[in-house]
Amino acid sequence: MKKKTLMVLALAAMMALSACGASQSESTTSAASEDSAPASAATEVASESEETAEPTEAPAVAGEEVDVGGPYPATTDWDEYALVEYYFEETDETVPMLIETNADHTRFNTLFDFFGEKQEMTFSVDGEELVVEYDLTGFIGKATEEFYTFIQENVTEWTPISAGAETGSTAGEEVDVGGPYPATTDWDEYVVVEYYFEETDETVPMLIETNADHTRFNTLFDFFGDKQEMTFSVNGEELTVDYDLTGFIGKDVEKFYTFIQENVTEWAPIA
């Protein structure tokens, strides 16, 4: 409840401070009807339950979604994408944002998490007029002008979104397998799971990487907007934390390993 309240207050603050700018651009920014459909839909991590983990397969067929990282995957409904760090001055919050666009950069789709809630907003550009076509929560459309200004001033390079064999990886490159961060060929296998933190009543998608004999593991996930990474090794019954990015997660190494032993039965290879 506390987290939800913080999210609502934060979004309310953002709306209030954006209102002044919105009134000035009222003639150039308009919202589409309620019947508008989103330009793309995010694929969420597959999981049967909080206790059962299932691996997520990387797409490899033309027309399927192309997972390009970030909080949500880009799709072939769009031609190009960029992953950026967007700063909300009103709430002093920086979030990773996925921006998709068409070939002539006249339509854009933005996808990100804000205080644990998915946000998606699609808008089009016609000269100086910005039109909101879709706003998932109804909160983000107010920031359309700020988003477009950010894109114009900061995004100078776009990456093409392709499907099929072109999305395959080669040894030494990062293998994007979904989850909050990409797996890498430093490891042999991976799985993406839903991990439940009982202490905070928080469930997060977690990427777990491992070596061939399952004696070393790397865990990657977001926790309240902060990247967490922890690497540990197994020697009999002894668990050794090799790396703890923030210094907070190493204490949970035994819980993580127990979860892996009890729930992860299938691993996907990293090619």
C-alpha atoms as a PDB file:
ATOM      1  CA  MET A   1       0.000   0.000   0.000  1.00  0.00           C
ATOM      2  CA  LYS A   2       2.840   2.390   0.831  1.00  0.00           C
ATOM      3  CA  LYS A   3       4.494   1.786  -2.505  1.00  0.00           C
ATOM      4  CA  LYS A   4       1.228   2.292  -4.369  1.00  0.00           C
ATOM      5  CA  THR A   5       0.623   5.555  -2.499  1.00  0.00           C
ATOM      6  CA  LEU A   6       4.109   6.791  -3.401  1.00  0.00           C
ATOM      7  CA  MET A   7       3.499   5.935  -7.030  1.00  0.00           C
ATOM      8  CA  VAL A   8       0.174   7.798  -7.144  1.00  0.00           C
ATOM      9  CA  LEU A   9       1.667  10.856  -5.384  1.00  0.00           C
ATOM     10  CA  ALA A  10       4.647  10.846  -7.716  1.00  0.00           C
ATOM     11  CA  LEU A  11       2.515  10.630 -10.822  1.00  0.00           C
ATOM     12  CA  ALA A  12       0.160  13.261  -9.458  1.00  0.00           C
ATOM     13  CA  ALA A  13       3.119  15.581  -8.901  1.00  0.00           C
ATOM     14  CA  MET A  14       4.288  14.984 -12.435  1.00  0.00           C
ATOM     15  CA  MET A  15       0.824  15.786 -13.796  1.00  0.00           C
ATOM     16  CA  ALA A  16       0.553  18.975 -11.772  1.00  0.00           C
ATOM     17  CA  LEU A  17       3.925  20.333 -12.825  1.00  0.00           C
ATOM     18  CA  SER A  18       3.280  19.364 -16.445  1.00  0.00           C
ATOM     19  CA  ALA A  19      -0.074  21.189 -16.452  1.00  0.00           C
ATOM     20  CA  CYS A  20       1.493  24.615 -17.106  1.00  0.00           C
ATOM     21  CA  GLY A  21       3.315  23.334 -20.163  1.00  0.00           C
ATOM     22  CA  ALA A  22       0.234  21.472 -21.279  1.00  0.00           C
ATOM     23  CA  SER A  23      -1.930  24.635 -21.255  1.00  0.00           C
ATOM     24  CA  GLN A  24       0.550  26.428 -23.521  1.00  0.00           C
ATOM     25  CA  SER A  25       0.667  23.548 -25.987  1.00  0.00           C
ATOM     26  CA  GLU A  26      -3.041  22.749 -25.840  1.00  0.00           C
ATOM     27  CA  SER A  27      -3.493  23.764 -29.452  1.00  0.00           C
ATOM     28  CA  THR A  28      -0.707  21.473 -30.598  1.00  0.00           C
ATOM     29  CA  THR A  29      -1.191  18.426 -28.421  1.00  0.00           C
ATOM     30  CA  SER A  30      -4.391  16.375 -28.401  1.00  0.00           C
ATOM     31  CA  ALA A  31      -5.364  12.917 -27.191  1.00  0.00           C
ATOM     32  CA  ALA A  32      -6.823  10.193 -29.387  1.00  0.00           C
ATOM     33  CA  SER A  33     -10.171   8.578 -28.631  1.00  0.00           C
ATOM     34  CA  GLU A  34     -10.619   5.873 -25.986  1.00  0.00           C
ATOM     35  CA  ASP A  35     -11.014   3.352 -28.802  1.00  0.00           C
ATOM     36  CA  SER A  36      -7.367   3.777 -29.829  1.00  0.00           C
ATOM     37  CA  ALA A  37      -5.302   0.629 -29.535  1.00  0.00           C
ATOM     38  CA  PRO A  38      -1.644   0.471 -28.505  1.00  0.00           C
ATOM     39  CA  ALA A  39       0.883   0.236 -31.300  1.00  0.00           C
ATOM     40  CA  SER A  40       2.768  -2.522 -29.560  1.00  0.00           C
ATOM     41  CA  ALA A  41       2.257  -4.830 -26.618  1.00  0.00           C
ATOM     42  CA  ALA A  42       4.983  -5.863 -24.212  1.00  0.00           C
ATOM     43  CA  THR A  43       5.724  -9.512 -23.637  1.00  0.00           C
ATOM     44  CA  GLU A  44       5.889 -10.250 -19.918  1.00  0.00           C
ATOM     45  CA  VAL A  45       8.127 -12.887 -18.300  1.00  0.00           C
ATOM     46  CA  ALA A  46       6.532 -16.325 -18.386  1.00  0.00           C
ATOM     47  CA  SER A  47       5.925 -17.993 -15.058  1.00  0.00           C
ATOM     48  CA  GLU A  48       3.456 -20.573 -13.831  1.00  0.00           C
ATOM     49  CA  SER A  49       3.568 -19.254 -10.273  1.00  0.00           C
ATOM     50  CA  GLU A  50       5.840 -17.515  -7.814  1.00  0.00           C
ATOM     51  CA  GLU A  51       7.222 -20.898  -6.832  1.00  0.00           C
ATOM     52  CA  THR A  52       7.677 -22.365 -10.363  1.00  0.00           C
ATOM     53  CA  ALA A  53      10.241 -20.945 -12.781  1.00  0.00           C
ATOM     54  CA  GLU A  54      10.124 -21.412 -16.551  1.00  0.00           C
ATOM     55  CA  PRO A  55      12.837 -20.382 -19.043  1.00  0.00           C
ATOM     56  CA  THR A  56      12.037 -17.692 -21.610  1.00  0.00           C
ATOM     57  CA  GLU A  57      12.966 -18.524 -25.205  1.00  0.00           C
ATOM     58  CA  ALA A  58      14.477 -15.844 -27.434  1.00  0.00           C
ATOM     59  CA  PRO A  59      12.384 -15.262 -30.581  1.00  0.00           C
ATOM     60  CA  ALA A  60      13.859 -16.308 -33.895  1.00  0.00           C
ATOM     61  CA  VAL A  61      10.977 -16.220 -36.407  1.00  0.00           C
ATOM     62  CA  ALA A  62      10.083 -13.264 -38.614  1.00  0.00           C
ATOM     63  CA  GLY A  63       7.048 -11.466 -37.252  1.00  0.00           C
ATOM     64  CA  GLU A  64       7.646 -12.468 -33.649  1.00  0.00           C
ATOM     65  CA  GLU A  65       8.709  -9.965 -31.065  1.00  0.00           C
ATOM     66  CA  VAL A  66      12.349  -8.960 -31.065  1.00  0.00           C
ATOM     67  CA  ASP A  67      13.634  -8.604 -27.527  1.00  0.00           C
ATOM     68  CA  VAL A  68      16.017  -5.668 -27.438  1.00  0.00           C
ATOM     69  CA  GLY A  69      16.336  -5.200 -23.697  1.00  0.00           C
ATOM     70  CA  GLY A  70      14.977  -2.470 -21.501  1.00  0.00           C
ATOM     71  CA  PRO A  71      11.978  -3.005 -19.264  1.00  0.00           C
ATOM     72  CA  TYR A  72       9.895  -4.243 -22.209  1.00  0.00           C
ATOM     73  CA  PRO A  73      10.699  -5.736 -25.630  1.00  0.00           C
ATOM     74  CA  ALA A  74      10.488  -3.732 -28.850  1.00  0.00           C
ATOM     75  CA  THR A  75       8.308  -5.248 -31.586  1.00  0.00           C
ATOM     76  CA  THR A  76       8.410  -5.444 -35.353  1.00  0.00           C
ATOM     77  CA  ASP A  77       5.341  -3.188 -35.448  1.00  0.00           C
ATOM     78  CA  TRP A  78       8.009  -0.474 -35.445  1.00  0.00           C
ATOM     79  CA  ASP A  79      11.131   0.100 -37.536  1.00  0.00           C
ATOM     80  CA  GLU A  80      13.712   1.441 -35.080  1.00  0.00           C
ATOM     81  CA  TYR A  81      14.298   1.752 -31.352  1.00  0.00           C
ATOM     82  CA  ALA A  82      16.485   3.468 -28.780  1.00  0.00           C
ATOM     83  CA  LEU A  83      17.079   2.683 -25.104  1.00  0.00           C
ATOM     84  CA  VAL A  84      17.577   5.795 -22.994  1.00  0.00           C
ATOM     85  CA  GLU A  85      17.758   6.952 -19.397  1.00  0.00           C
ATOM     86  CA  TYR A  86      14.933   9.457 -18.906  1.00  0.00           C
ATOM     87  CA  TYR A  87      14.960  11.826 -15.946  1.00  0.00           C
ATOM     88  CA  PHE A  88      11.679  13.000 -14.395  1.00  0.00           C
ATOM     89  CA  GLU A  89      12.630  16.280 -12.767  1.00  0.00           C
ATOM     90  CA  GLU A  90       9.322  16.541 -10.878  1.00  0.00           C
ATOM     91  CA  THR A  91       9.971  13.339  -8.917  1.00  0.00           C
ATOM     92  CA  ASP A  92      13.799  13.203  -9.171  1.00  0.00           C
ATOM     93  CA  GLU A  93      13.472   9.735 -10.729  1.00  0.00           C
ATOM     94  CA  THR A  94      15.573   8.335 -13.588  1.00  0.00           C
ATOM     95  CA  VAL A  95      14.121   5.354 -15.447  1.00  0.00           C
ATOM     96  CA  PRO A  96      15.234   3.224 -18.406  1.00  0.00           C
ATOM     97  CA  MET A  97      12.893   3.963 -21.327  1.00  0.00           C
ATOM     98  CA  LEU A  98      12.368   2.072 -24.566  1.00  0.00           C
ATOM     99  CA  ILE A  99      11.433   4.366 -27.477  1.00  0.00           C
ATOM    100  CA  GLU A 100      10.176   2.849 -30.719  1.00  0.00           C
ATOM    101  CA  THR A 101       9.579   4.774 -33.936  1.00  0.00           C
ATOM    102  CA  ASN A 102       8.606   4.327 -37.563  1.00  0.00           C
ATOM    103  CA  ALA A 103      10.997   4.846 -40.480  1.00  0.00           C
ATOM    104  CA  ASP A 104      10.250   8.551 -40.995  1.00  0.00           C
ATOM    105  CA  HIS A 105      10.102   9.358 -37.275  1.00  0.00           C
ATOM    106  CA  THR A 106       6.549  10.672 -37.338  1.00  0.00           C
ATOM    107  CA  ARG A 107       5.201   8.228 -34.741  1.00  0.00           C
ATOM    108  CA  PHE A 108       6.722   7.126 -31.434  1.00  0.00           C
ATOM    109  CA  ASN A 109       5.937   4.582 -28.724  1.00  0.00           C
ATOM    110  CA  THR A 110       7.411   4.903 -25.222  1.00  0.00           C
ATOM    111  CA  LEU A 111       7.562   2.025 -22.727  1.00  0.00           C
ATOM    112  CA  PHE A 112       8.916   2.150 -19.177  1.00  0.00           C
ATOM    113  CA  ASP A 113       8.253   1.335 -15.510  1.00  0.00           C
ATOM    114  CA  PHE A 114       7.382   4.101 -13.103  1.00  0.00           C
ATOM    115  CA  PHE A 115       7.350   3.140  -9.429  1.00  0.00           C
ATOM    116  CA  GLY A 116       6.599  -0.467 -10.383  1.00  0.00           C
ATOM    117  CA  GLU A 117       3.797   0.294 -12.846  1.00  0.00           C
ATOM    118  CA  LYS A 118       4.002  -0.243 -16.605  1.00  0.00           C
ATOM    119  CA  GLN A 119       3.610   2.958 -18.609  1.00  0.00           C
ATOM    120  CA  GLU A 120       3.074   3.060 -22.369  1.00  0.00           C
ATOM    121  CA  MET A 121       2.270   6.069 -24.527  1.00  0.00           C
ATOM    122  CA  THR A 122       2.054   6.367 -28.307  1.00  0.00           C
ATOM    123  CA  PHE A 123       2.025   9.695 -30.107  1.00  0.00           C
ATOM    124  CA  SER A 124       2.303  11.022 -33.646  1.00  0.00           C
ATOM    125  CA  VAL A 125       3.935  14.127 -35.056  1.00  0.00           C
ATOM    126  CA  ASP A 126       2.342  16.271 -37.775  1.00  0.00           C
ATOM    127  CA  GLY A 127       4.443  19.344 -38.271  1.00  0.00           C
ATOM    128  CA  GLU A 128       4.308  21.087 -34.896  1.00  0.00           C
ATOM    129  CA  GLU A 129       1.243  19.162 -33.756  1.00  0.00           C
ATOM    130  CA  LEU A 130       1.654  16.260 -31.334  1.00  0.00           C
ATOM    131  CA  VAL A 131      -1.251  13.828 -31.052  1.00  0.00           C
ATOM    132  CA  VAL A 132      -1.478  11.262 -28.239  1.00  0.00           C
ATOM    133  CA  GLU A 133      -2.906   8.097 -29.761  1.00  0.00           C
ATOM    134  CA  TYR A 134      -2.680   5.865 -26.695  1.00  0.00           C
ATOM    135  CA  ASP A 135      -1.952   6.393 -23.009  1.00  0.00           C
ATOM    136  CA  LEU A 136      -2.072   3.190 -20.958  1.00  0.00           C
ATOM    137  CA  THR A 137      -2.596   4.776 -17.538  1.00  0.00           C
ATOM    138  CA  GLY A 138      -3.801   8.233 -18.541  1.00  0.00           C
ATOM    139  CA  PHE A 139      -0.906   9.895 -16.698  1.00  0.00           C
ATOM    140  CA  ILE A 140       1.871  10.057 -19.282  1.00  0.00           C
ATOM    141  CA  GLY A 141       0.148  11.849 -22.155  1.00  0.00           C
ATOM    142  CA  LYS A 142       0.664  15.099 -20.244  1.00  0.00           C
ATOM    143  CA  ALA A 143       4.402  14.751 -20.823  1.00  0.00           C
ATOM    144  CA  THR A 144       4.223  14.252 -24.606  1.00  0.00           C
ATOM    145  CA  GLU A 145       5.888  17.562 -25.423  1.00  0.00           C
ATOM    146  CA  GLU A 146       8.700  16.884 -22.929  1.00  0.00           C
ATOM    147  CA  PHE A 147       9.238  13.390 -24.364  1.00  0.00           C
ATOM    148  CA  TYR A 148       9.386  14.655 -27.962  1.00  0.00           C
ATOM    149  CA  THR A 149      11.773  17.477 -27.031  1.00  0.00           C
ATOM    150  CA  PHE A 150      14.007  14.935 -25.268  1.00  0.00           C
ATOM    151  CA  ILE A 151      14.009  12.691 -28.347  1.00  0.00           C
ATOM    152  CA  GLN A 152      14.890  15.579 -30.676  1.00  0.00           C
ATOM    153  CA  GLU A 153      17.705  16.816 -28.453  1.00  0.00           C
ATOM    154  CA  ASN A 154      19.207  13.527 -27.237  1.00  0.00           C
ATOM    155  CA  VAL A 155      18.480  10.569 -29.519  1.00  0.00           C
ATOM    156  CA  THR A 156      20.879  10.832 -32.441  1.00  0.00           C
ATOM    157  CA  GLU A 157      21.212   7.129 -33.257  1.00  0.00           C
ATOM    158  CA  TRP A 158      18.459   4.565 -33.747  1.00  0.00           C
ATOM    159  CA  THR A 159      18.842   0.795 -33.965  1.00  0.00           C
ATOM    160  CA  PRO A 160      16.820  -1.097 -36.582  1.00  0.00           C
ATOM    161  CA  ILE A 161      14.300  -3.642 -35.339  1.00  0.00           C
ATOM    162  CA  SER A 162      14.615  -6.812 -37.390  1.00  0.00           C
ATOM    163  CA  ALA A 163      13.287 -10.344 -37.133  1.00  0.00           C
ATOM    164  CA  GLY A 164      14.308 -13.829 -38.106  1.00  0.00           C
ATOM    165  CA  ALA A 165      17.903 -14.923 -38.530  1.00  0.00           C
ATOM    166  CA  GLU A 166      19.178 -11.365 -38.259  1.00  0.00           C
ATOM    167  CA  THR A 167      18.342 -11.403 -34.554  1.00  0.00           C
ATOM    168  CA  GLY A 168      20.659 -14.358 -33.915  1.00  0.00           C
ATOM    169  CA  SER A 169      23.834 -13.868 -31.961  1.00  0.00           C
ATOM    170  CA  THR A 170      27.433 -14.879 -32.426  1.00  0.00           C
ATOM    171  CA  ALA A 171      29.962 -15.891 -29.791  1.00  0.00           C
ATOM    172  CA  GLY A 172      31.273 -12.917 -27.897  1.00  0.00           C
ATOM    173  CA  GLU A 173      28.203 -10.755 -28.458  1.00  0.00           C
ATOM    174  CA  GLU A 174      25.545 -10.136 -25.887  1.00  0.00           C
ATOM    175  CA  VAL A 175      22.607 -12.514 -26.139  1.00  0.00           C
ATOM    176  CA  ASP A 176      19.434 -10.630 -25.312  1.00  0.00           C
ATOM    177  CA  VAL A 177      17.091 -13.103 -23.654  1.00  0.00           C
ATOM    178  CA  GLY A 178      14.606 -10.818 -21.957  1.00  0.00           C
ATOM    179  CA  GLY A 179      14.399  -9.998 -18.292  1.00  0.00           C
ATOM    180  CA  PRO A 180      15.644  -6.659 -17.017  1.00  0.00           C
ATOM    181  CA  TYR A 181      19.165  -7.212 -18.412  1.00  0.00           C
ATOM    182  CA  PRO A 182      20.702  -9.285 -21.221  1.00  0.00           C
ATOM    183  CA  ALA A 183      22.527 -12.537 -20.575  1.00  0.00           C
ATOM    184  CA  THR A 184      26.069 -12.741 -21.980  1.00  0.00           C
ATOM    185  CA  THR A 185      28.297 -15.400 -23.425  1.00  0.00           C
ATOM    186  CA  ASP A 186      30.460 -15.197 -20.314  1.00  0.00           C
ATOM    187  CA  TRP A 187      27.992 -17.836 -19.115  1.00  0.00           C
ATOM    188  CA  ASP A 188      26.687 -21.075 -20.622  1.00  0.00           C
ATOM    189  CA  GLU A 189      23.009 -21.175 -19.640  1.00  0.00           C
ATOM    190  CA  TYR A 190      20.293 -18.872 -18.356  1.00  0.00           C
ATOM    191  CA  VAL A 191      16.748 -18.744 -17.050  1.00  0.00           C
ATOM    192  CA  VAL A 192      14.340 -15.855 -16.441  1.00  0.00           C
ATOM    193  CA  VAL A 193      12.188 -16.282 -13.337  1.00  0.00           C
ATOM    194  CA  GLU A 194       9.774 -14.439 -11.090  1.00  0.00           C
ATOM    195  CA  TYR A 195      11.410 -14.116  -7.679  1.00  0.00           C
ATOM    196  CA  TYR A 196       9.399 -13.194  -4.579  1.00  0.00           C
ATOM    197  CA  PHE A 197      10.976 -11.154  -1.772  1.00  0.00           C
ATOM    198  CA  GLU A 198       8.904 -12.033   1.284  1.00  0.00           C
ATOM    199  CA  GLU A 199      10.401  -9.236   3.407  1.00  0.00           C
ATOM    200  CA  THR A 200       9.085  -6.499   1.100  1.00  0.00           C
ATOM    201  CA  ASP A 201       6.208  -8.408  -0.529  1.00  0.00           C
ATOM    202  CA  GLU A 202       7.798  -7.655  -3.908  1.00  0.00           C
ATOM    203  CA  THR A 203       7.949  -9.957  -6.946  1.00  0.00           C
ATOM    204  CA  VAL A 204      10.559  -9.111  -9.592  1.00  0.00           C
ATOM    205  CA  PRO A 205      11.706 -10.679 -12.868  1.00  0.00           C
ATOM    206  CA  MET A 206      15.196 -12.079 -12.359  1.00  0.00           C
ATOM    207  CA  LEU A 207      17.762 -13.215 -14.909  1.00  0.00           C
ATOM    208  CA  ILE A 208      19.943 -16.077 -13.625  1.00  0.00           C
ATOM    209  CA  GLU A 209      23.045 -17.123 -15.558  1.00  0.00           C
ATOM    210  CA  THR A 210      25.194 -20.164 -14.809  1.00  0.00           C
ATOM    211  CA  ASN A 211      28.176 -22.126 -16.057  1.00  0.00           C
ATOM    212  CA  ALA A 212      27.961 -25.590 -17.592  1.00  0.00           C
ATOM    213  CA  ASP A 213      28.411 -27.519 -14.331  1.00  0.00           C
ATOM    214  CA  HIS A 214      26.205 -25.172 -12.277  1.00  0.00           C
ATOM    215  CA  THR A 215      28.889 -24.239  -9.777  1.00  0.00           C
ATOM    216  CA  ARG A 216      28.718 -20.494 -10.401  1.00  0.00           C
ATOM    217  CA  PHE A 217      25.689 -18.246 -10.794  1.00  0.00           C
ATOM    218  CA  ASN A 218      25.012 -14.631 -11.695  1.00  0.00           C
ATOM    219  CA  THR A 219      21.728 -12.916 -10.796  1.00  0.00           C
ATOM    220  CA  LEU A 220      20.487  -9.675 -12.393  1.00  0.00           C
ATOM    221  CA  PHE A 221      17.309  -7.755 -11.573  1.00  0.00           C
ATOM    222  CA  ASP A 222      15.808  -4.384 -10.698  1.00  0.00           C
ATOM    223  CA  PHE A 223      14.723  -3.640  -7.160  1.00  0.00           C
ATOM    224  CA  PHE A 224      12.756  -0.425  -6.624  1.00  0.00           C
ATOM    225  CA  GLY A 225      14.436   1.125  -9.657  1.00  0.00           C
ATOM    226  CA  ASP A 226      18.007   0.116  -8.782  1.00  0.00           C
ATOM    227  CA  LYS A 227      20.039  -2.430 -10.717  1.00  0.00           C
ATOM    228  CA  GLN A 228      21.105  -5.388  -8.596  1.00  0.00           C
ATOM    229  CA  GLU A 229      23.735  -7.938  -9.607  1.00  0.00           C
ATOM    230  CA  MET A 230      25.227 -10.681  -7.496  1.00  0.00           C
ATOM    231  CA  THR A 231      27.608 -13.473  -8.508  1.00  0.00           C
ATOM    232  CA  PHE A 232      28.263 -16.484  -6.291  1.00  0.00           C
ATOM    233  CA  SER A 233      30.038 -19.823  -6.492  1.00  0.00           C
ATOM    234  CA  VAL A 234      29.171 -23.212  -4.991  1.00  0.00           C
ATOM    235  CA  ASN A 235      31.744 -25.561  -3.434  1.00  0.00           C
ATOM    236  CA  GLY A 236      29.926 -28.446  -1.828  1.00  0.00           C
ATOM    237  CA  GLU A 237      27.758 -26.835   0.848  1.00  0.00           C
ATOM    238  CA  GLU A 238      29.785 -23.635   0.862  1.00  0.00           C
ATOM    239  CA  LEU A 239      28.430 -20.581  -0.962  1.00  0.00           C
ATOM    240  CA  THR A 240      30.844 -17.759  -1.754  1.00  0.00           C
ATOM    241  CA  VAL A 241      29.699 -14.328  -2.924  1.00  0.00           C
ATOM    242  CA  ASP A 242      32.132 -13.286  -5.655  1.00  0.00           C
ATOM    243  CA  TYR A 243      30.476  -9.971  -6.507  1.00  0.00           C
ATOM    244  CA  ASP A 244      27.686  -7.848  -5.038  1.00  0.00           C
ATOM    245  CA  LEU A 245      27.008  -4.658  -7.000  1.00  0.00           C
ATOM    246  CA  THR A 246      25.231  -2.715  -4.245  1.00  0.00           C
ATOM    247  CA  GLY A 247      26.330  -4.680  -1.187  1.00  0.00           C
ATOM    248  CA  PHE A 248      22.708  -5.460  -0.264  1.00  0.00           C
ATOM    249  CA  ILE A 249      21.985  -8.724  -2.072  1.00  0.00           C
ATOM    250  CA  GLY A 250      24.845 -10.946  -0.923  1.00  0.00           C
ATOM    251  CA  LYS A 251      23.024 -11.650   2.319  1.00  0.00           C
ATOM    252  CA  ASP A 252      20.341 -13.474   0.302  1.00  0.00           C
ATOM    253  CA  VAL A 253      22.737 -15.822  -1.458  1.00  0.00           C
ATOM    254  CA  GLU A 254      21.480 -18.888   0.429  1.00  0.00           C
ATOM    255  CA  LYS A 255      17.853 -18.051  -0.398  1.00  0.00           C
ATOM    256  CA  PHE A 256      18.706 -17.545  -4.055  1.00  0.00           C
ATOM    257  CA  TYR A 257      20.545 -20.851  -4.292  1.00  0.00           C
ATOM    258  CA  THR A 258      17.757 -22.707  -2.497  1.00  0.00           C
ATOM    259  CA  PHE A 259      15.237 -21.168  -4.916  1.00  0.00           C
ATOM    260  CA  ILE A 260      17.323 -22.287  -7.886  1.00  0.00           C
ATOM    261  CA  GLN A 261      17.666 -25.853  -6.548  1.00  0.00           C
ATOM    262  CA  GLU A 262      13.955 -26.181  -5.801  1.00  0.00           C
ATOM    263  CA  ASN A 263      12.418 -24.375  -8.790  1.00  0.00           C
ATOM    264  CA  VAL A 264      14.697 -24.196 -11.810  1.00  0.00           C
ATOM    265  CA  THR A 265      14.587 -27.519 -13.615  1.00  0.00           C
ATOM    266  CA  GLU A 266      15.285 -26.340 -17.171  1.00  0.00           C
ATOM    267  CA  TRP A 267      17.982 -23.993 -18.437  1.00  0.00           C
ATOM    268  CA  ALA A 268      18.239 -22.396 -21.895  1.00  0.00           C
ATOM    269  CA  PRO A 269      21.656 -22.394 -23.596  1.00  0.00           C
ATOM    270  CA  ILE A 270      23.420 -19.110 -24.345  1.00  0.00           C
ATOM    271  CA  ALA A 271      24.819 -19.430 -27.854  1.00  0.00           C
END
